[in-house]
């Protein structure tokens, strides 16, 4: 369940203006860091909501849902900027993408398929499962076939989490981007991390602050 932002479709004039002016190496690095941090700050709301809407009593899905690190790269062209594997295609325009995923610890408790791979069923149940026959390891360690004649309906708990919190996500993202970009305009620090750390320490009174 991804959130995707393209630089020419932000729809916030003052941020668009600020981002277009960040063209040197310092500005590009700052923009990337700001996008990654603001996106995670904003999308955490969706992650928490998706956990609460998780439909299963075991709690494994709720405990395992988390966020990807986030992808920020150059993309472009008329085709989709995101490949089928979830990677950002290379191009000219800047884009940021973050999505829900599962913690590695999910694999320790998830059922396995016939090849011994963990079944990532939270995402299967999100979009629905067609009638099928598949192998499953039972509690006694034996492999048996499961025949599912009726399709499993879409549960869409992550879609609902995003849809019900979309305005809040946008609001948090704009507010955080304003905050992170304000350090770029006020200081001569090379990175957002160093500027924010020094601002907290000195209250913006250091010699690199205008």
C-alpha atoms as a PDB file:
ATOM      1  CA  UNK A   1       0.000   0.000   0.000  1.00  0.00           C
ATOM      2  CA  UNK A   2       2.183   2.861  -1.249  1.00  0.00           C
ATOM      3  CA  UNK A   3       2.272   6.619  -1.005  1.00  0.00           C
ATOM      4  CA  UNK A   4       3.875   8.188  -4.053  1.00  0.00           C
ATOM      5  CA  UNK A   5       4.907  11.821  -4.602  1.00  0.00           C
ATOM      6  CA  UNK A   6       6.191  13.401  -7.802  1.00  0.00           C
ATOM      7  CA  UNK A   7       7.928  16.764  -7.704  1.00  0.00           C
ATOM      8  CA  UNK A   8       5.728  18.368 -10.376  1.00  0.00           C
ATOM      9  CA  UNK A   9       2.477  17.202  -8.776  1.00  0.00           C
ATOM     10  CA  UNK A  10       2.851  18.257  -5.173  1.00  0.00           C
ATOM     11  CA  UNK A  11       0.151  20.942  -5.478  1.00  0.00           C
ATOM     12  CA  UNK A  12       1.641  23.145  -2.759  1.00  0.00           C
ATOM     13  CA  UNK A  13       2.984  26.319  -4.343  1.00  0.00           C
ATOM     14  CA  UNK A  14       5.400  27.437  -1.643  1.00  0.00           C
ATOM     15  CA  UNK A  15       6.982  23.991  -1.393  1.00  0.00           C
ATOM     16  CA  UNK A  16       7.184  23.670  -5.173  1.00  0.00           C
ATOM     17  CA  UNK A  17       8.995  26.993  -5.323  1.00  0.00           C
ATOM     18  CA  UNK A  18      11.425  26.009  -2.575  1.00  0.00           C
ATOM     19  CA  UNK A  19      12.160  22.583  -4.069  1.00  0.00           C
ATOM     20  CA  UNK A  20      12.820  23.981  -7.543  1.00  0.00           C
ATOM     21  CA  UNK A  21      15.526  26.202  -6.086  1.00  0.00           C
ATOM     22  CA  UNK A  22      17.415  23.296  -4.514  1.00  0.00           C
ATOM     23  CA  UNK A  23      19.467  22.320  -7.552  1.00  0.00           C
ATOM     24  CA  UNK A  24      23.055  22.163  -6.276  1.00  0.00           C
ATOM     25  CA  UNK A  25      24.569  19.140  -4.524  1.00  0.00           C
ATOM     26  CA  UNK A  26      23.665  20.452  -1.068  1.00  0.00           C
ATOM     27  CA  UNK A  27      20.112  21.187  -2.136  1.00  0.00           C
ATOM     28  CA  UNK A  28      19.547  17.819  -3.808  1.00  0.00           C
ATOM     29  CA  UNK A  29      20.866  15.909  -0.793  1.00  0.00           C
ATOM     30  CA  UNK A  30      18.761  18.061   1.540  1.00  0.00           C
ATOM     31  CA  UNK A  31      15.667  17.485  -0.584  1.00  0.00           C
ATOM     32  CA  UNK A  32      16.175  13.724  -0.523  1.00  0.00           C
ATOM     33  CA  UNK A  33      16.592  13.650   3.263  1.00  0.00           C
ATOM     34  CA  UNK A  34      13.559  15.902   3.777  1.00  0.00           C
ATOM     35  CA  UNK A  35      11.393  13.734   1.515  1.00  0.00           C
ATOM     36  CA  UNK A  36      12.431  10.508   3.257  1.00  0.00           C
ATOM     37  CA  UNK A  37      11.859  11.874   6.751  1.00  0.00           C
ATOM     38  CA  UNK A  38       8.625  13.758   6.041  1.00  0.00           C
ATOM     39  CA  UNK A  39       7.173  10.768   4.198  1.00  0.00           C
ATOM     40  CA  UNK A  40       7.879   8.419   7.088  1.00  0.00           C
ATOM     41  CA  UNK A  41       6.490  10.916   9.606  1.00  0.00           C
ATOM     42  CA  UNK A  42       3.279  11.234   7.599  1.00  0.00           C
ATOM     43  CA  UNK A  43       2.794   7.600   6.585  1.00  0.00           C
ATOM     44  CA  UNK A  44       3.200   6.311  10.132  1.00  0.00           C
ATOM     45  CA  UNK A  45      -0.432   7.375  10.608  1.00  0.00           C
ATOM     46  CA  UNK A  46      -1.496   4.895   7.922  1.00  0.00           C
ATOM     47  CA  UNK A  47       0.650   2.136   9.365  1.00  0.00           C
ATOM     48  CA  UNK A  48      -0.883   2.495  12.835  1.00  0.00           C
ATOM     49  CA  UNK A  49      -4.402   2.581  11.357  1.00  0.00           C
ATOM     50  CA  UNK A  50      -3.732  -0.527   9.243  1.00  0.00           C
ATOM     51  CA  UNK A  51      -2.521  -2.394  12.320  1.00  0.00           C
ATOM     52  CA  UNK A  52      -5.715  -1.514  14.167  1.00  0.00           C
ATOM     53  CA  UNK A  53      -7.839  -2.648  11.216  1.00  0.00           C
ATOM     54  CA  UNK A  54      -5.939  -5.917  10.867  1.00  0.00           C
ATOM     55  CA  UNK A  55      -8.646  -8.628  10.635  1.00  0.00           C
ATOM     56  CA  UNK A  56      -6.918 -11.603  12.254  1.00  0.00           C
ATOM     57  CA  UNK A  57      -7.095 -12.668  15.874  1.00  0.00           C
ATOM     58  CA  UNK A  58      -3.538 -14.051  16.092  1.00  0.00           C
ATOM     59  CA  UNK A  59      -2.050 -10.549  16.094  1.00  0.00           C
ATOM     60  CA  UNK A  60       0.818 -11.559  13.790  1.00  0.00           C
ATOM     61  CA  UNK A  61      -0.248  -9.111  11.078  1.00  0.00           C
ATOM     62  CA  UNK A  62      -0.706  -6.309  13.592  1.00  0.00           C
ATOM     63  CA  UNK A  63       2.698  -6.930  15.140  1.00  0.00           C
ATOM     64  CA  UNK A  64       4.450  -7.284  11.797  1.00  0.00           C
ATOM     65  CA  UNK A  65       3.172  -4.348   9.740  1.00  0.00           C
ATOM     66  CA  UNK A  66       5.807  -1.650   9.346  1.00  0.00           C
ATOM     67  CA  UNK A  67       7.078   0.814   6.725  1.00  0.00           C
ATOM     68  CA  UNK A  68       9.658   0.509   4.005  1.00  0.00           C
ATOM     69  CA  UNK A  69      12.691   2.764   4.311  1.00  0.00           C
ATOM     70  CA  UNK A  70      11.362   4.849   1.437  1.00  0.00           C
ATOM     71  CA  UNK A  71      12.658   5.283  -2.103  1.00  0.00           C
ATOM     72  CA  UNK A  72      13.758   8.583  -3.568  1.00  0.00           C
ATOM     73  CA  UNK A  73      15.280   8.646  -7.017  1.00  0.00           C
ATOM     74  CA  UNK A  74      15.249  10.245 -10.453  1.00  0.00           C
ATOM     75  CA  UNK A  75      12.444   8.984 -12.691  1.00  0.00           C
ATOM     76  CA  UNK A  76      10.660  10.184 -15.788  1.00  0.00           C
ATOM     77  CA  UNK A  77       8.880   9.359 -19.038  1.00  0.00           C
ATOM     78  CA  UNK A  78       5.252   8.685 -19.883  1.00  0.00           C
ATOM     79  CA  UNK A  79       5.226   5.176 -18.443  1.00  0.00           C
ATOM     80  CA  UNK A  80       4.718   4.437 -14.754  1.00  0.00           C
ATOM     81  CA  UNK A  81       7.720   5.528 -12.667  1.00  0.00           C
ATOM     82  CA  UNK A  82       7.403   2.418 -10.492  1.00  0.00           C
ATOM     83  CA  UNK A  83       8.321  -0.980 -11.934  1.00  0.00           C
ATOM     84  CA  UNK A  84       6.387  -4.176 -11.193  1.00  0.00           C
ATOM     85  CA  UNK A  85       9.032  -5.136  -8.631  1.00  0.00           C
ATOM     86  CA  UNK A  86       8.435  -1.866  -6.748  1.00  0.00           C
ATOM     87  CA  UNK A  87      11.686  -0.219  -7.839  1.00  0.00           C
ATOM     88  CA  UNK A  88      11.818   3.387  -8.995  1.00  0.00           C
ATOM     89  CA  UNK A  89      12.737   3.692 -12.668  1.00  0.00           C
ATOM     90  CA  UNK A  90      15.559   5.992 -13.623  1.00  0.00           C
ATOM     91  CA  UNK A  91      14.793   9.232 -15.440  1.00  0.00           C
ATOM     92  CA  UNK A  92      14.826  12.975 -15.038  1.00  0.00           C
ATOM     93  CA  UNK A  93      12.147  13.882 -12.496  1.00  0.00           C
ATOM     94  CA  UNK A  94      12.363  13.350  -8.755  1.00  0.00           C
ATOM     95  CA  UNK A  95       9.981  10.994  -6.984  1.00  0.00           C
ATOM     96  CA  UNK A  96       9.474   9.650  -3.486  1.00  0.00           C
ATOM     97  CA  UNK A  97       7.696   6.420  -2.562  1.00  0.00           C
ATOM     98  CA  UNK A  98       6.980   4.681   0.745  1.00  0.00           C
ATOM     99  CA  UNK A  99       4.779   1.684   1.487  1.00  0.00           C
ATOM    100  CA  UNK A 100       3.694  -0.732   4.170  1.00  0.00           C
ATOM    101  CA  UNK A 101       5.654  -3.968   4.433  1.00  0.00           C
ATOM    102  CA  UNK A 102       6.226  -6.796   6.904  1.00  0.00           C
ATOM    103  CA  UNK A 103       9.006  -7.070   9.477  1.00  0.00           C
ATOM    104  CA  UNK A 104      11.527  -9.851   8.973  1.00  0.00           C
ATOM    105  CA  UNK A 105      10.256 -11.471  12.178  1.00  0.00           C
ATOM    106  CA  UNK A 106       6.977 -12.229  10.340  1.00  0.00           C
ATOM    107  CA  UNK A 107       8.763 -15.039   8.487  1.00  0.00           C
ATOM    108  CA  UNK A 108       9.475 -16.883  11.739  1.00  0.00           C
ATOM    109  CA  UNK A 109       5.767 -17.456  12.475  1.00  0.00           C
ATOM    110  CA  UNK A 110       4.127 -17.370   9.034  1.00  0.00           C
ATOM    111  CA  UNK A 111       2.938 -20.596   7.349  1.00  0.00           C
ATOM    112  CA  UNK A 112       5.173 -21.915   4.563  1.00  0.00           C
ATOM    113  CA  UNK A 113       4.401 -22.932   0.984  1.00  0.00           C
ATOM    114  CA  UNK A 114       5.556 -26.200  -0.580  1.00  0.00           C
ATOM    115  CA  UNK A 115       8.992 -24.692  -1.298  1.00  0.00           C
ATOM    116  CA  UNK A 116       9.452 -23.695   2.341  1.00  0.00           C
ATOM    117  CA  UNK A 117       8.922 -19.979   1.730  1.00  0.00           C
ATOM    118  CA  UNK A 118       6.853 -17.909   4.175  1.00  0.00           C
ATOM    119  CA  UNK A 119       3.401 -17.008   2.851  1.00  0.00           C
ATOM    120  CA  UNK A 120       2.915 -13.239   3.058  1.00  0.00           C
ATOM    121  CA  UNK A 121      -0.810 -13.643   3.555  1.00  0.00           C
ATOM    122  CA  UNK A 122      -1.591 -10.128   4.871  1.00  0.00           C
ATOM    123  CA  UNK A 123      -0.998  -8.758   1.377  1.00  0.00           C
ATOM    124  CA  UNK A 124      -2.756 -11.704  -0.271  1.00  0.00           C
ATOM    125  CA  UNK A 125      -5.818 -11.064   1.853  1.00  0.00           C
ATOM    126  CA  UNK A 126      -5.637  -7.348   1.122  1.00  0.00           C
ATOM    127  CA  UNK A 127      -6.337  -7.918  -2.592  1.00  0.00           C
ATOM    128  CA  UNK A 128      -8.238 -11.211  -2.323  1.00  0.00           C
ATOM    129  CA  UNK A 129      -7.313 -14.785  -3.178  1.00  0.00           C
ATOM    130  CA  UNK A 130      -8.712 -16.779  -6.119  1.00  0.00           C
ATOM    131  CA  UNK A 131      -9.921 -20.398  -5.771  1.00  0.00           C
ATOM    132  CA  UNK A 132      -6.814 -22.545  -5.552  1.00  0.00           C
ATOM    133  CA  UNK A 133      -5.079 -25.640  -4.229  1.00  0.00           C
ATOM    134  CA  UNK A 134      -1.931 -25.128  -2.213  1.00  0.00           C
ATOM    135  CA  UNK A 135       0.361 -26.971   0.161  1.00  0.00           C
ATOM    136  CA  UNK A 136       0.608 -26.122   3.829  1.00  0.00           C
ATOM    137  CA  UNK A 137       2.638 -27.447   6.740  1.00  0.00           C
ATOM    138  CA  UNK A 138       0.426 -28.466   9.666  1.00  0.00           C
ATOM    139  CA  UNK A 139       1.299 -28.118  13.356  1.00  0.00           C
ATOM    140  CA  UNK A 140       2.672 -31.686  13.424  1.00  0.00           C
ATOM    141  CA  UNK A 141       5.159 -30.810  10.678  1.00  0.00           C
ATOM    142  CA  UNK A 142       3.455 -32.791   7.888  1.00  0.00           C
ATOM    143  CA  UNK A 143       2.703 -31.300   4.477  1.00  0.00           C
ATOM    144  CA  UNK A 144      -0.899 -31.453   3.295  1.00  0.00           C
ATOM    145  CA  UNK A 145      -2.946 -29.935   0.468  1.00  0.00           C
ATOM    146  CA  UNK A 146      -5.581 -27.304   1.053  1.00  0.00           C
ATOM    147  CA  UNK A 147      -8.313 -26.930  -1.584  1.00  0.00           C
ATOM    148  CA  UNK A 148     -10.022 -23.564  -1.493  1.00  0.00           C
ATOM    149  CA  UNK A 149     -13.059 -23.688  -3.794  1.00  0.00           C
ATOM    150  CA  UNK A 150     -14.492 -20.266  -2.974  1.00  0.00           C
ATOM    151  CA  UNK A 151     -12.403 -17.145  -3.503  1.00  0.00           C
ATOM    152  CA  UNK A 152     -11.362 -15.145  -0.457  1.00  0.00           C
ATOM    153  CA  UNK A 153     -12.784 -11.661  -0.683  1.00  0.00           C
ATOM    154  CA  UNK A 154     -10.694  -8.524  -0.551  1.00  0.00           C
ATOM    155  CA  UNK A 155     -10.242  -7.279   3.009  1.00  0.00           C
ATOM    156  CA  UNK A 156      -8.684  -3.930   2.019  1.00  0.00           C
ATOM    157  CA  UNK A 157      -7.731  -3.003   5.576  1.00  0.00           C
ATOM    158  CA  UNK A 158      -4.668  -1.125   4.341  1.00  0.00           C
ATOM    159  CA  UNK A 159      -6.629   0.673   1.618  1.00  0.00           C
ATOM    160  CA  UNK A 160      -9.161   1.802   4.206  1.00  0.00           C
ATOM    161  CA  UNK A 161      -6.370   2.952   6.512  1.00  0.00           C
ATOM    162  CA  UNK A 162      -4.935   5.142   3.746  1.00  0.00           C
ATOM    163  CA  UNK A 163      -8.305   6.383   2.502  1.00  0.00           C
ATOM    164  CA  UNK A 164      -9.542   7.406   5.933  1.00  0.00           C
ATOM    165  CA  UNK A 165      -6.309   9.194   6.801  1.00  0.00           C
ATOM    166  CA  UNK A 166      -5.372  10.736   3.441  1.00  0.00           C
ATOM    167  CA  UNK A 167      -6.018  14.330   4.537  1.00  0.00           C
ATOM    168  CA  UNK A 168      -4.032  13.801   7.734  1.00  0.00           C
ATOM    169  CA  UNK A 169      -1.118  12.302   5.769  1.00  0.00           C
ATOM    170  CA  UNK A 170      -0.997  15.286   3.410  1.00  0.00           C
ATOM    171  CA  UNK A 171      -1.230  17.741   6.306  1.00  0.00           C
ATOM    172  CA  UNK A 172       1.620  16.093   8.221  1.00  0.00           C
ATOM    173  CA  UNK A 173       3.772  15.800   5.090  1.00  0.00           C
ATOM    174  CA  UNK A 174       3.386  19.502   4.252  1.00  0.00           C
ATOM    175  CA  UNK A 175       4.064  20.564   7.838  1.00  0.00           C
ATOM    176  CA  UNK A 176       7.164  18.381   8.111  1.00  0.00           C
ATOM    177  CA  UNK A 177       8.502  19.484   4.722  1.00  0.00           C
ATOM    178  CA  UNK A 178       8.041  23.118   5.789  1.00  0.00           C
ATOM    179  CA  UNK A 179       9.974  22.370   8.963  1.00  0.00           C
ATOM    180  CA  UNK A 180      12.854  20.522   7.274  1.00  0.00           C
ATOM    181  CA  UNK A 181      13.220  23.006   4.404  1.00  0.00           C
ATOM    182  CA  UNK A 182      13.237  25.936   6.812  1.00  0.00           C
ATOM    183  CA  UNK A 183      16.650  24.761   8.050  1.00  0.00           C
ATOM    184  CA  UNK A 184      17.954  24.818   4.473  1.00  0.00           C
ATOM    185  CA  UNK A 185      16.980  28.455   4.003  1.00  0.00           C
ATOM    186  CA  UNK A 186      18.241  29.610   7.407  1.00  0.00           C
ATOM    187  CA  UNK A 187      21.628  27.893   7.605  1.00  0.00           C
ATOM    188  CA  UNK A 188      24.766  27.013   5.667  1.00  0.00           C
ATOM    189  CA  UNK A 189      25.028  23.499   7.075  1.00  0.00           C
ATOM    190  CA  UNK A 190      25.735  20.785   4.505  1.00  0.00           C
ATOM    191  CA  UNK A 191      23.070  18.371   5.767  1.00  0.00           C
ATOM    192  CA  UNK A 192      19.662  18.518   7.388  1.00  0.00           C
ATOM    193  CA  UNK A 193      20.827  16.263  10.217  1.00  0.00           C
ATOM    194  CA  UNK A 194      23.698  18.559  11.230  1.00  0.00           C
ATOM    195  CA  UNK A 195      21.539  21.681  10.938  1.00  0.00           C
ATOM    196  CA  UNK A 196      18.719  20.257  13.038  1.00  0.00           C
ATOM    197  CA  UNK A 197      21.104  18.969  15.700  1.00  0.00           C
ATOM    198  CA  UNK A 198      22.880  22.339  15.972  1.00  0.00           C
ATOM    199  CA  UNK A 199      19.596  24.257  16.000  1.00  0.00           C
ATOM    200  CA  UNK A 200      18.372  22.246  18.957  1.00  0.00           C
ATOM    201  CA  UNK A 201      21.681  22.773  20.727  1.00  0.00           C
ATOM    202  CA  UNK A 202      22.066  26.528  20.114  1.00  0.00           C
ATOM    203  CA  UNK A 203      18.553  27.708  19.285  1.00  0.00           C
ATOM    204  CA  UNK A 204      19.740  28.858  15.869  1.00  0.00           C
ATOM    205  CA  UNK A 205      22.431  31.132  17.272  1.00  0.00           C
ATOM    206  CA  UNK A 206      25.470  29.347  15.791  1.00  0.00           C
ATOM    207  CA  UNK A 207      27.755  31.044  13.271  1.00  0.00           C
ATOM    208  CA  UNK A 208      26.265  29.053  10.385  1.00  0.00           C
ATOM    209  CA  UNK A 209      22.811  30.527  10.961  1.00  0.00           C
ATOM    210  CA  UNK A 210      21.860  33.735   9.185  1.00  0.00           C
END
